[in-house]
């Protein structure tokens, strides 16, 4: 599924805001060459304009005029994006789910004057990795340091 943004404005003073979310630290799992969705994040814009990103679990006090922006993640992908049905990518373009730039960079679908260029798309997809290449496995969306135990 797709992620989304929800926004809350405080209409009263002295609000206790309790935040309990997941996927702030790790992206969703992917399979067989899929791509992960961005991690979740939550920001508070205080009435004075200061913006702070808050952790996935917290409780804070908010005043009138503060705005909480919650950006949810989407699901992890299954299979190489370049194997996604071209008509499905075209539908996503029409519905504003994906931009023309992302259609080309992520799904290898080329547009020409807002129409899909079938020949250019086929050429671009000819060199893209496939599941049959056998190079894809499960990616649990973990940050490298969390996987290796390394880091600074």
Protein backbone atom coordinates (compact mmCIF):
# COMPACT_ATOMS: atom_id res chain seq x y z
CA UNK A 1 0.00 0.00 0.00
CA UNK A 2 0.89 3.64 -0.24
CA UNK A 3 2.05 5.85 2.58
CA UNK A 4 0.29 9.09 3.35
CA UNK A 5 0.60 12.28 5.35
CA UNK A 6 -1.79 13.31 8.09
CA UNK A 7 -1.68 16.67 9.79
CA UNK A 8 -3.12 17.81 13.11
CA UNK A 9 -3.40 21.40 14.31
CA UNK A 10 -3.71 22.10 18.02
CA UNK A 11 -6.78 24.25 18.70
CA UNK A 12 -6.19 24.52 22.46
CA UNK A 13 -3.31 25.21 24.81
CA UNK A 14 -1.56 22.66 27.00
CA UNK A 15 -2.25 19.55 24.90
CA UNK A 16 -0.53 16.32 25.90
CA UNK A 17 0.53 14.59 22.69
CA UNK A 18 1.47 10.91 22.97
CA UNK A 19 3.12 9.47 19.88
CA UNK A 20 3.43 5.71 19.28
CA UNK A 21 4.56 4.76 15.77
CA UNK A 22 6.69 2.15 14.07
CA UNK A 23 8.97 2.12 11.04
CA UNK A 24 10.82 5.30 12.03
CA UNK A 25 14.14 3.42 12.16
CA UNK A 26 13.72 0.67 9.58
CA UNK A 27 12.16 0.61 6.15
CA UNK A 28 9.54 -2.03 5.25
CA UNK A 29 10.82 -5.41 4.13
CA UNK A 30 11.06 -6.12 0.41
CA UNK A 31 11.19 -9.34 -1.58
CA UNK A 32 12.74 -10.42 -4.86
CA UNK A 33 14.27 -7.08 -5.83
CA UNK A 34 11.47 -4.80 -4.66
CA UNK A 35 12.30 -1.36 -3.34
CA UNK A 36 11.56 -0.18 0.18
CA UNK A 37 9.23 2.68 0.98
CA UNK A 38 10.72 5.61 2.91
CA UNK A 39 10.80 5.33 6.69
CA UNK A 40 8.04 6.99 8.71
CA UNK A 41 8.72 10.34 10.29
CA UNK A 42 6.84 12.78 12.46
CA UNK A 43 7.47 16.50 12.79
CA UNK A 44 6.07 19.14 15.09
CA UNK A 45 5.89 22.70 13.87
CA UNK A 46 5.59 24.85 16.97
CA UNK A 47 3.51 28.03 16.96
CA UNK A 48 6.75 30.07 16.80
CA UNK A 49 7.72 28.29 13.54
CA UNK A 50 10.36 25.98 15.04
CA UNK A 51 10.20 22.50 13.47
CA UNK A 52 11.43 19.41 15.26
CA UNK A 53 11.43 15.79 14.19
CA UNK A 54 10.30 13.55 17.03
CA UNK A 55 11.15 9.89 17.71
CA UNK A 56 8.70 7.07 17.16
CA UNK A 57 7.76 6.85 20.84
CA UNK A 58 7.35 10.06 22.83
CA UNK A 59 5.06 12.27 24.88
CA UNK A 60 5.25 16.05 24.63
CA UNK A 61 3.26 19.17 25.44
CA UNK A 62 1.83 21.22 22.59
CA UNK A 63 0.33 24.68 22.55
CA UNK A 64 -2.40 26.23 20.42
CA UNK A 65 -1.23 26.62 16.81
CA UNK A 66 1.28 23.76 16.85
CA UNK A 67 0.99 21.42 13.86
CA UNK A 68 1.90 17.73 13.94
CA UNK A 69 2.82 16.18 10.57
CA UNK A 70 2.79 12.38 10.47
CA UNK A 71 4.33 10.80 7.36
CA UNK A 72 3.49 7.11 7.17
CA UNK A 73 5.39 4.56 5.16
CA UNK A 74 4.04 2.42 2.36
CA UNK A 75 4.57 -1.27 1.99
CA UNK A 76 7.79 -2.82 0.78
CA UNK A 77 7.95 -3.79 -2.86
CA UNK A 78 7.78 -7.26 -4.35
CA UNK A 79 9.83 -7.90 -7.47
CA UNK A 80 11.94 -5.56 -9.55
CA UNK A 81 10.07 -2.31 -10.26
CA UNK A 82 11.00 -2.62 -13.94
CA UNK A 83 8.82 -5.75 -14.12
CA UNK A 84 5.71 -3.83 -13.03
CA UNK A 85 3.01 -3.81 -15.67
CA UNK A 86 3.38 -0.70 -17.84
CA UNK A 87 -0.39 -0.10 -17.77
CA UNK A 88 -0.31 -0.11 -13.96
CA UNK A 89 2.48 2.49 -14.00
CA UNK A 90 0.42 4.56 -16.48
CA UNK A 91 -2.55 4.39 -14.09
CA UNK A 92 -0.32 5.52 -11.22
CA UNK A 93 0.84 8.44 -13.35
CA UNK A 94 -2.75 9.48 -14.13
CA UNK A 95 -3.72 9.25 -10.46
CA UNK A 96 -0.69 11.24 -9.31
CA UNK A 97 0.75 8.34 -7.30
CA UNK A 98 4.06 8.52 -9.17
CA UNK A 99 5.73 11.40 -11.01
CA UNK A 100 6.99 11.12 -14.61
CA UNK A 101 10.56 11.30 -13.26
CA UNK A 102 9.94 8.39 -10.86
CA UNK A 103 8.18 6.40 -13.56
CA UNK A 104 11.41 6.47 -15.54
CA UNK A 105 13.99 6.25 -12.73
CA UNK A 106 12.19 3.59 -10.66
CA UNK A 107 9.98 1.67 -13.10
CA UNK A 108 11.89 2.14 -16.38
CA UNK A 109 8.81 3.59 -18.07
CA UNK A 110 9.59 6.41 -20.53
CA UNK A 111 7.11 9.17 -21.33
CA UNK A 112 6.93 11.30 -24.44
CA UNK A 113 4.47 14.22 -24.17
CA UNK A 114 2.61 12.46 -21.31
CA UNK A 115 2.21 9.28 -23.37
CA UNK A 116 4.18 6.10 -22.73
CA UNK A 117 6.93 5.60 -25.29
CA UNK A 118 6.69 1.82 -25.72
CA UNK A 119 9.92 1.47 -27.73
CA UNK A 120 12.04 3.55 -25.32
CA UNK A 121 10.48 1.72 -22.36
CA UNK A 122 11.31 -1.67 -23.90
CA UNK A 123 14.92 -0.60 -24.55
CA UNK A 124 15.33 0.68 -21.00
CA UNK A 125 13.79 -2.43 -19.47
CA UNK A 126 15.91 -4.78 -21.61
CA UNK A 127 18.95 -4.16 -19.40
CA UNK A 128 17.14 -4.14 -16.05
CA UNK A 129 17.75 -6.99 -13.57
CA UNK A 130 15.05 -9.64 -13.35
CA UNK A 131 13.99 -12.17 -10.76
CA UNK A 132 15.30 -14.89 -13.05
CA UNK A 133 18.82 -13.46 -12.60
CA UNK A 134 18.68 -15.03 -9.13
CA UNK A 135 20.28 -12.04 -7.43
CA UNK A 136 17.32 -11.05 -5.28
CA UNK A 137 16.42 -12.18 -1.79
CA UNK A 138 14.67 -10.71 1.23
CA UNK A 139 15.76 -7.26 2.41
CA UNK A 140 14.45 -6.58 5.89
CA UNK A 141 14.88 -2.82 5.54
CA UNK A 142 17.49 -2.61 8.27
CA UNK A 143 20.14 0.06 8.34
CA UNK A 144 23.67 -1.26 7.66
CA UNK A 145 24.89 -0.57 11.21
CA UNK A 146 21.90 -2.43 12.67
CA UNK A 147 22.72 -5.45 10.51
CA UNK A 148 26.48 -5.47 11.01
CA UNK A 149 26.71 -4.12 14.54
CA UNK A 150 29.19 -1.57 13.19
CA UNK A 151 28.98 2.15 13.20
CA UNK A 152 30.65 5.08 14.79
